[in-house]
Amino acid sequence: MRVLMFSWEYPPFVVGGLGQHVADLVPALAALGVEVHLVTPAWRPVAETREPAGVFVHRVAAHPGDEDIVSQAAAVNAVLEAAANAIVETRGPFDLIHVHDWLVSCAAIGLKHRYKLPLVATIHATEYGRSQGRLASPLSKAINSAEWQLAYEAWQIIVCSNFMATELIGSLGVPPDKVDVVPNGVNVARFDALKGLDHSALRARFALPHERIVFNVGRMVREKGLHVLVEAMPLVLAEVPDAKFVIAGKPDPWGYWAWNRQRTEELGVGPKAYFAGFIPDFERDVLLTLADAAVFPSLYEPFGIVAPEAMAAGAPVVVSSAGGLAEVVTHMLTGLTAYPDNPASLAWAIVETLKDPCRARARARSAYRRVVREYNWSTIAAATLDIFWGVVRERAKVTW
């Protein structure tokens, strides 16, 4: 099996869960004998990296520019398509094309038609979902249109949750038999290596010895629900005064981070909220292993990879029941769920977790076992490869 793959993100250029997903999926596919040629933008020169056997990363020089994201994507896709065309001519043939999300879909669709290759698309999120069904701006409508085009052109679509499958069927009109659900995965060994080590010095940077760490990490966008956690803080502190809220995430240019920080001052809980800003991945992972509660109150979440990462780290998790999070976390068994956009419900779940650490740790142990069993990359790669082979077999039966 030889696959030509397109992704907007790939290390070291990772913004969210998509980039990490591709970084973990590619070597897992290679371990199953798939030869993967990944075409991805390089936003600046990077040092050559040694990839696993069967993995070939083709970084194409690109420039962000000042245009809106749709115009920027169109310009980048032009150079990606030209580079990919040369790859097919010199390194082909390929069995299929695999594309991740709409940002690189134009290049993938162009190659599909030029070489008559079946296209498999992994759609990680939709504009319809992010905007909660309100496609109010021309930019939002243009992104939705690009997602529709990708869904139309794809032979088969992979999504990370049943929630996302339902969303695609409803918002983009995708036939149900065109959609396969394959969850995201977690590298458990990454967290296992941190357990049992002395992290007291790092912990002391964020909380006093007696304080209970309530940890939240994520992109600073409203859909991640940080404002819900901020509004819940006074309710939690009224019941658990030694709670300390540690918020990690790069401050954003549109002011969401700053607004939430100011709101903690207005609510009188500023000293109990530590806005850490951007932190390295290692520190984030350690904080997940140290957390008394890892809290993710998203309003919209196709899957929510940070939740199973917290589960792999052994942290008791509290999540909203939004989207894929309700599939990842089973209430009262592997964590606690709260109603989306409901500070009182979220506060209840956090207080329950902090006040009964024995049950919280029991849920965390169950959650860890589930991650090992269901969210490992070898299983996920195998499921993805099954879909690839199904598409290749179908392609062989038709004249194109």
Protein backbone atom coordinates (compact mmCIF):
# COMPACT_ATOMS: atom_id res chain seq x y z
CA MET A 1 0.00 0.00 0.00
CA ARG A 2 1.40 3.40 -1.04
CA VAL A 3 -0.41 6.51 0.18
CA LEU A 4 -0.01 10.17 -0.79
CA MET A 5 -1.09 12.20 2.24
CA PHE A 6 -1.78 15.92 2.66
CA SER A 7 -1.84 17.82 5.96
CA TRP A 8 -1.76 21.53 6.80
CA GLU A 9 -0.03 20.72 10.09
CA TYR A 10 2.90 18.46 10.91
CA PRO A 11 5.63 18.86 13.56
CA PRO A 12 7.14 21.29 14.26
CA PHE A 13 4.16 23.22 12.85
CA VAL A 14 1.35 22.03 15.10
CA VAL A 15 -1.55 24.24 16.20
CA GLY A 16 -4.08 21.73 17.51
CA GLY A 17 -5.10 18.12 17.62
CA LEU A 18 -4.97 17.62 13.83
CA GLY A 19 -1.19 18.03 13.66
CA GLN A 20 -0.59 15.62 16.53
CA HIS A 21 -3.03 13.14 15.01
CA VAL A 22 -1.11 13.07 11.73
CA ALA A 23 2.25 12.88 13.55
CA ASP A 24 1.11 9.75 15.42
CA LEU A 25 -0.88 8.12 12.61
CA VAL A 26 1.86 8.24 9.96
CA PRO A 27 4.46 6.08 11.78
CA ALA A 28 1.71 3.72 12.99
CA LEU A 29 0.65 3.15 9.38
CA ALA A 30 4.28 2.67 8.37
CA ALA A 31 4.64 0.01 11.06
CA LEU A 32 1.87 -1.92 9.26
CA GLY A 33 3.78 -1.80 5.98
CA VAL A 34 2.20 1.30 4.44
CA GLU A 35 4.54 3.61 2.53
CA VAL A 36 3.38 7.14 3.33
CA HIS A 37 4.45 10.23 1.39
CA LEU A 38 3.24 13.25 3.39
CA VAL A 39 3.02 16.64 1.65
CA THR A 40 2.85 19.53 4.12
CA PRO A 41 3.63 23.26 4.24
CA ALA A 42 6.90 24.42 5.82
CA TRP A 43 6.28 27.88 7.23
CA ARG A 44 9.96 28.38 7.87
CA PRO A 45 13.13 26.37 7.19
CA VAL A 46 13.46 23.37 9.50
CA ALA A 47 16.28 20.94 10.13
CA GLU A 48 16.02 17.58 8.42
CA THR A 49 14.51 14.92 10.68
CA ARG A 50 14.99 11.18 10.52
CA GLU A 51 11.64 9.58 9.82
CA PRO A 52 10.70 5.94 10.47
CA ALA A 53 11.13 3.44 7.64
CA GLY A 54 8.33 3.87 5.12
CA VAL A 55 7.69 7.53 5.97
CA PHE A 56 8.66 10.29 3.54
CA VAL A 57 7.88 13.88 4.56
CA HIS A 58 7.87 16.41 1.72
CA ARG A 59 7.97 19.90 3.23
CA VAL A 60 6.96 22.60 0.76
CA ALA A 61 8.07 26.17 1.44
CA ALA A 62 5.02 28.35 2.14
CA HIS A 63 4.33 31.80 3.55
CA PRO A 64 1.38 32.68 5.81
CA GLY A 65 0.70 36.07 4.24
CA ASP A 66 -1.81 38.65 5.45
CA GLU A 67 -4.86 37.31 3.62
CA ASP A 68 -7.82 35.61 5.23
CA ILE A 69 -7.45 31.88 5.79
CA VAL A 70 -9.39 30.90 2.65
CA SER A 71 -7.21 33.06 0.39
CA GLN A 72 -4.11 31.87 2.20
CA ALA A 73 -5.12 28.24 1.78
CA ALA A 74 -5.73 28.75 -1.95
CA ALA A 75 -2.23 30.16 -2.43
CA VAL A 76 -0.58 27.39 -0.39
CA ASN A 77 -2.57 24.67 -2.16
CA ALA A 78 -1.19 25.84 -5.48
CA VAL A 79 2.40 25.18 -4.40
CA LEU A 80 1.45 21.95 -2.61
CA GLU A 81 -0.27 20.62 -5.73
CA ALA A 82 2.74 21.44 -7.91
CA ALA A 83 5.07 19.69 -5.47
CA ALA A 84 2.78 16.69 -5.14
CA ASN A 85 2.48 16.40 -8.91
CA ALA A 86 6.27 16.10 -9.12
CA ILE A 87 6.22 13.48 -6.36
CA VAL A 88 3.69 11.35 -8.23
CA GLU A 89 5.68 11.64 -11.45
CA THR A 90 8.99 10.68 -9.82
CA ARG A 91 7.94 8.50 -6.85
CA GLY A 92 4.60 7.06 -7.94
CA PRO A 93 2.37 5.26 -8.54
CA PHE A 94 0.19 5.56 -5.42
CA ASP A 95 -2.84 3.53 -4.38
CA LEU A 96 -4.81 6.45 -2.95
CA ILE A 97 -4.72 9.98 -1.58
CA HIS A 98 -5.47 10.71 2.08
CA VAL A 99 -6.22 14.33 3.02
CA HIS A 100 -6.77 15.88 6.44
CA ASP A 101 -9.41 18.64 6.48
CA TRP A 102 -10.31 21.32 3.95
CA LEU A 103 -7.17 23.45 4.26
CA VAL A 104 -5.23 21.19 1.87
CA SER A 105 -8.22 19.78 -0.02
CA CYS A 106 -7.79 21.74 -3.27
CA ALA A 107 -4.37 20.19 -3.90
CA ALA A 108 -5.64 16.71 -3.06
CA ILE A 109 -8.71 17.05 -5.28
CA GLY A 110 -6.55 18.27 -8.16
CA LEU A 111 -4.28 15.22 -7.87
CA LYS A 112 -7.31 12.93 -7.56
CA HIS A 113 -8.65 13.97 -10.96
CA ARG A 114 -5.29 14.19 -12.70
CA TYR A 115 -4.22 10.65 -11.76
CA LYS A 116 -7.65 9.03 -11.21
CA LEU A 117 -6.74 8.16 -7.62
CA PRO A 118 -9.42 7.54 -4.98
CA LEU A 119 -9.52 10.19 -2.26
CA VAL A 120 -10.00 9.39 1.42
CA ALA A 121 -10.68 12.41 3.67
CA THR A 122 -10.33 12.65 7.41
CA ILE A 123 -12.53 15.54 8.54
CA HIS A 124 -11.51 16.59 12.03
CA ALA A 125 -14.09 19.37 12.57
CA THR A 126 -16.55 21.48 10.60
CA GLU A 127 -17.23 25.18 10.30
CA TYR A 128 -20.90 24.42 10.89
CA GLY A 129 -20.04 22.86 14.26
CA ARG A 130 -17.52 25.51 15.28
CA SER A 131 -20.06 28.27 14.57
CA GLN A 132 -22.85 26.21 16.16
CA GLY A 133 -24.82 26.31 12.94
CA ARG A 134 -24.51 30.05 12.36
CA LEU A 135 -22.61 30.58 9.10
CA ALA A 136 -22.91 34.33 9.46
CA SER A 137 -19.88 35.70 7.60
CA PRO A 138 -18.71 35.27 4.00
CA LEU A 139 -15.53 33.67 5.35
CA SER A 140 -17.48 31.13 7.37
CA LYS A 141 -19.63 30.29 4.36
CA ALA A 142 -16.54 29.88 2.17
CA ILE A 143 -15.00 27.41 4.63
CA ASN A 144 -18.27 25.48 4.82
CA SER A 145 -18.35 25.36 1.01
CA ALA A 146 -14.79 23.99 0.89
CA GLU A 147 -15.74 21.31 3.43
CA TRP A 148 -18.78 20.37 1.36
CA GLN A 149 -16.63 20.08 -1.76
CA LEU A 150 -14.14 17.84 0.06
CA ALA A 151 -16.94 15.62 1.37
CA TYR A 152 -18.39 15.39 -2.13
CA GLU A 153 -15.07 14.51 -3.78
CA ALA A 154 -14.02 11.94 -1.17
CA TRP A 155 -14.55 8.25 -1.90
CA GLN A 156 -14.75 7.62 1.86
CA ILE A 157 -14.66 9.91 4.91
CA ILE A 158 -13.10 9.16 8.29
CA VAL A 159 -14.31 11.00 11.40
CA CYS A 160 -13.23 10.66 15.02
CA SER A 161 -16.60 10.18 16.73
CA ASN A 162 -20.22 9.20 16.18
CA PHE A 163 -21.06 12.81 16.99
CA MET A 164 -18.98 13.95 14.02
CA ALA A 165 -20.55 11.34 11.75
CA THR A 166 -24.01 12.67 12.62
CA GLU A 167 -22.80 16.23 12.07
CA LEU A 168 -21.45 15.49 8.58
CA ILE A 169 -24.59 13.63 7.57
CA GLY A 170 -26.77 16.50 8.76
CA SER A 171 -24.76 19.60 7.86
CA LEU A 172 -22.98 18.49 4.66
CA GLY A 173 -25.50 15.96 3.36
CA VAL A 174 -23.01 13.08 3.36
CA PRO A 175 -24.53 9.61 2.76
CA PRO A 176 -24.21 7.56 5.96
CA ASP A 177 -22.43 4.67 4.23
CA LYS A 178 -19.69 7.05 3.12
CA VAL A 179 -18.60 7.78 6.72
CA ASP A 180 -16.42 5.60 8.98
CA VAL A 181 -15.71 6.35 12.64
CA VAL A 182 -12.13 5.85 13.82
CA PRO A 183 -11.19 7.57 17.12
CA ASN A 184 -8.09 9.58 17.80
CA GLY A 185 -5.30 7.95 19.77
CA VAL A 186 -2.85 8.58 22.56
CA ASN A 187 0.77 7.56 23.05
CA VAL A 188 0.44 6.17 26.58
CA ALA A 189 4.18 5.52 26.92
CA ARG A 190 4.77 9.27 26.84
CA PHE A 191 2.90 9.64 30.12
CA ASP A 192 4.00 6.38 31.70
CA ALA A 193 7.59 7.64 31.53
CA LEU A 194 6.66 10.59 33.77
CA LYS A 195 4.99 8.65 36.55
CA GLY A 196 6.87 7.97 39.78
CA LEU A 197 9.36 10.79 39.16
CA ASP A 198 9.88 13.77 41.45
CA HIS A 199 8.08 16.75 39.88
CA SER A 200 7.87 18.79 43.08
CA ALA A 201 10.00 21.64 41.72
CA LEU A 202 7.79 22.07 38.69
CA ARG A 203 4.64 21.77 40.79
CA ALA A 204 5.87 24.50 43.13
CA ARG A 205 5.88 26.95 40.23
CA PHE A 206 2.12 26.63 39.86
CA ALA A 207 0.65 25.85 43.27
CA LEU A 208 1.40 25.80 46.98
CA PRO A 209 2.00 22.39 48.59
CA HIS A 210 -1.48 22.24 50.15
CA GLU A 211 -3.35 23.43 47.07
CA ARG A 212 -5.32 21.04 44.83
CA ILE A 213 -4.56 21.59 41.15
CA VAL A 214 -7.47 21.99 38.74
CA PHE A 215 -5.78 22.00 35.35
CA ASN A 216 -7.11 23.24 32.02
CA VAL A 217 -5.18 23.45 28.76
CA GLY A 218 -6.35 24.32 25.27
CA ARG A 219 -6.52 26.83 22.47
CA MET A 220 -7.85 30.21 23.49
CA VAL A 221 -11.10 30.13 21.55
CA ARG A 222 -14.63 30.35 22.91
CA GLU A 223 -15.58 26.84 21.78
CA LYS A 224 -13.11 25.41 24.36
CA GLY A 225 -15.28 26.87 27.15
CA LEU A 226 -12.67 28.48 29.39
CA HIS A 227 -15.19 31.17 30.31
CA VAL A 228 -17.46 28.47 31.73
CA LEU A 229 -14.65 27.29 34.01
CA VAL A 230 -13.95 30.88 35.11
CA GLU A 231 -17.60 31.41 36.05
CA ALA A 232 -17.52 28.12 37.99
CA MET A 233 -14.46 29.08 40.04
CA PRO A 234 -16.26 30.94 42.88
CA LEU A 235 -18.70 28.03 43.26
CA VAL A 236 -15.85 25.53 43.52
CA LEU A 237 -13.81 27.64 45.95
CA ALA A 238 -16.83 28.04 48.23
CA GLU A 239 -16.73 24.25 48.72
CA VAL A 240 -13.01 23.55 48.25
CA PRO A 241 -11.00 26.64 49.32
CA ASP A 242 -7.64 24.99 48.63
CA ALA A 243 -8.36 24.52 44.91
CA LYS A 244 -5.89 26.19 42.54
CA PHE A 245 -6.87 26.69 38.91
CA VAL A 246 -3.97 26.41 36.48
CA ILE A 247 -4.83 27.60 32.96
CA ALA A 248 -2.38 26.82 30.14
CA GLY A 249 -2.74 28.18 26.63
CA LYS A 250 -1.13 30.80 24.44
CA PRO A 251 -2.73 34.26 24.79
CA ASP A 252 -4.75 35.03 21.67
CA PRO A 253 -4.80 38.27 19.62
CA TRP A 254 -8.59 38.62 19.81
CA GLY A 255 -8.65 38.99 23.60
CA TYR A 256 -10.33 35.83 24.89
CA TRP A 257 -7.41 34.99 27.18
CA ALA A 258 -7.26 38.56 28.52
CA TRP A 259 -11.02 38.72 29.02
CA ASN A 260 -11.04 35.53 31.10
CA ARG A 261 -8.11 36.68 33.20
CA GLN A 262 -9.85 39.99 33.89
CA ARG A 263 -13.05 38.14 34.73
CA THR A 264 -11.31 36.18 37.51
CA GLU A 265 -10.38 39.51 39.09
CA GLU A 266 -13.97 40.75 38.84
CA LEU A 267 -15.19 37.56 40.49
CA GLY A 268 -12.65 37.91 43.30
CA VAL A 269 -10.82 34.68 42.51
CA GLY A 270 -7.77 36.14 40.76
CA PRO A 271 -5.21 34.86 43.33
CA LYS A 272 -6.54 31.31 42.89
CA ALA A 273 -6.28 31.34 39.08
CA TYR A 274 -2.84 30.95 37.51
CA PHE A 275 -2.84 31.92 33.83
CA ALA A 276 0.38 30.25 32.74
CA GLY A 277 0.19 31.18 29.06
CA PHE A 278 2.07 28.93 26.67
CA ILE A 279 3.93 26.07 28.33
CA PRO A 280 6.14 23.42 26.68
CA ASP A 281 4.64 19.99 25.98
CA PHE A 282 6.75 18.39 28.71
CA GLU A 283 5.40 20.75 31.38
CA ARG A 284 1.87 20.26 30.11
CA ASP A 285 2.25 16.49 30.35
CA VAL A 286 3.70 16.68 33.86
CA LEU A 287 0.84 18.92 35.00
CA LEU A 288 -1.61 16.36 33.67
CA THR A 289 0.06 13.69 35.83
CA LEU A 290 -0.05 16.03 38.86
CA ALA A 291 -3.59 17.35 38.44
CA ASP A 292 -6.22 16.58 41.05
CA ALA A 293 -8.74 17.32 38.30
CA ALA A 294 -8.20 17.91 34.58
CA VAL A 295 -11.12 19.97 33.31
CA PHE A 296 -12.26 20.49 29.70
CA PRO A 297 -15.59 22.36 29.48
CA SER A 298 -15.85 22.63 25.67
CA LEU A 299 -18.97 23.96 23.95
CA TYR A 300 -18.06 22.12 20.72
CA GLU A 301 -15.65 19.19 20.53
CA PRO A 302 -15.49 16.67 17.67
CA PHE A 303 -13.38 14.38 19.84
CA GLY A 304 -11.28 16.25 22.41
CA ILE A 305 -7.89 14.55 22.30
CA VAL A 306 -6.74 16.30 25.47
CA ALA A 307 -9.29 14.31 27.49
CA PRO A 308 -7.84 10.85 26.67
CA GLU A 309 -4.37 12.37 27.10
CA ALA A 310 -5.35 13.35 30.63
CA MET A 311 -6.78 9.86 31.12
CA ALA A 312 -3.48 8.36 29.95
CA ALA A 313 -1.68 10.60 32.45
CA GLY A 314 -3.83 9.24 35.27
CA ALA A 315 -5.65 12.50 35.97
CA PRO A 316 -9.28 12.43 37.14
CA VAL A 317 -11.16 14.10 34.30
CA VAL A 318 -14.13 16.44 34.23
CA VAL A 319 -15.55 17.30 30.82
CA SER A 320 -18.67 18.81 29.34
CA SER A 321 -20.93 16.37 27.53
CA ALA A 322 -20.42 18.29 24.29
CA GLY A 323 -19.84 16.34 21.09
CA GLY A 324 -17.23 13.60 21.15
CA LEU A 325 -16.31 14.21 24.79
CA ALA A 326 -19.47 12.39 25.84
CA GLU A 327 -18.20 9.34 23.93
CA VAL A 328 -14.67 9.51 25.34
CA VAL A 329 -15.69 9.92 29.00
CA THR A 330 -18.34 7.69 30.56
CA HIS A 331 -20.02 9.57 33.40
CA MET A 332 -19.25 8.13 36.86
CA LEU A 333 -17.10 5.36 35.36
CA THR A 334 -14.10 6.99 33.65
CA GLY A 335 -14.73 10.58 34.72
CA LEU A 336 -17.49 13.07 35.39
CA THR A 337 -19.44 14.98 32.76
CA ALA A 338 -21.21 18.30 33.12
CA TYR A 339 -23.85 20.05 31.05
CA PRO A 340 -22.25 22.21 28.34
CA ASP A 341 -22.07 25.96 28.99
CA ASN A 342 -23.33 25.48 32.56
CA PRO A 343 -21.00 26.81 35.31
CA ALA A 344 -23.08 25.32 38.13
CA SER A 345 -23.02 21.84 36.61
CA LEU A 346 -19.28 22.12 35.95
CA ALA A 347 -18.65 23.30 39.52
CA TRP A 348 -20.58 20.32 40.88
CA ALA A 349 -18.41 17.88 38.90
CA ILE A 350 -15.16 19.54 40.00
CA VAL A 351 -16.23 19.63 43.65
CA GLU A 352 -17.26 15.95 43.53
CA THR A 353 -13.84 15.10 42.10
CA LEU A 354 -11.88 17.08 44.68
CA LYS A 355 -13.96 16.10 47.70
CA ASP A 356 -13.84 12.36 47.03
CA PRO A 357 -10.30 11.64 45.79
CA CYS A 358 -10.64 7.88 46.33
CA ARG A 359 -13.51 7.57 43.88
CA ALA A 360 -11.85 10.07 41.57
CA ARG A 361 -8.69 7.95 41.43
CA ALA A 362 -10.76 4.80 40.87
CA ARG A 363 -12.39 6.48 37.87
CA ALA A 364 -8.94 7.57 36.68
CA ARG A 365 -7.69 3.97 36.79
CA SER A 366 -10.69 2.83 34.74
CA ALA A 367 -10.05 5.66 32.30
CA TYR A 368 -6.40 4.66 31.90
CA ARG A 369 -7.38 1.08 31.10
CA ARG A 370 -9.84 2.30 28.48
CA VAL A 371 -7.21 4.46 26.78
CA VAL A 372 -4.78 1.55 26.61
CA ARG A 373 -7.48 -0.73 25.22
CA GLU A 374 -9.30 1.55 22.75
CA TYR A 375 -7.16 4.59 21.91
CA ASN A 376 -3.81 3.03 21.02
CA TRP A 377 -2.31 3.97 17.65
CA SER A 378 -1.69 0.43 16.41
CA THR A 379 -5.42 -0.33 16.65
CA ILE A 380 -6.34 3.00 15.06
CA ALA A 381 -3.84 2.55 12.22
CA ALA A 382 -5.17 -0.94 11.55
CA ALA A 383 -8.74 0.38 11.32
CA THR A 384 -7.58 3.14 8.98
CA LEU A 385 -5.71 0.66 6.80
CA ASP A 386 -8.84 -1.50 6.55
CA ILE A 387 -10.68 1.52 5.16
CA PHE A 388 -7.85 2.18 2.69
CA TRP A 389 -7.97 -1.40 1.40
CA GLY A 390 -11.75 -1.24 1.08
CA VAL A 391 -11.47 1.87 -1.08
CA VAL A 392 -8.70 0.36 -3.22
CA ARG A 393 -10.79 -2.76 -3.83
CA GLU A 394 -13.80 -0.66 -4.84
CA ARG A 395 -11.65 1.48 -7.15
CA ALA A 396 -10.42 -1.66 -8.93
CA LYS A 397 -14.00 -2.57 -9.87
CA VAL A 398 -14.81 0.65 -11.75
CA THR A 399 -13.73 2.29 -14.97
CA TRP A 400 -12.63 5.89 -14.50
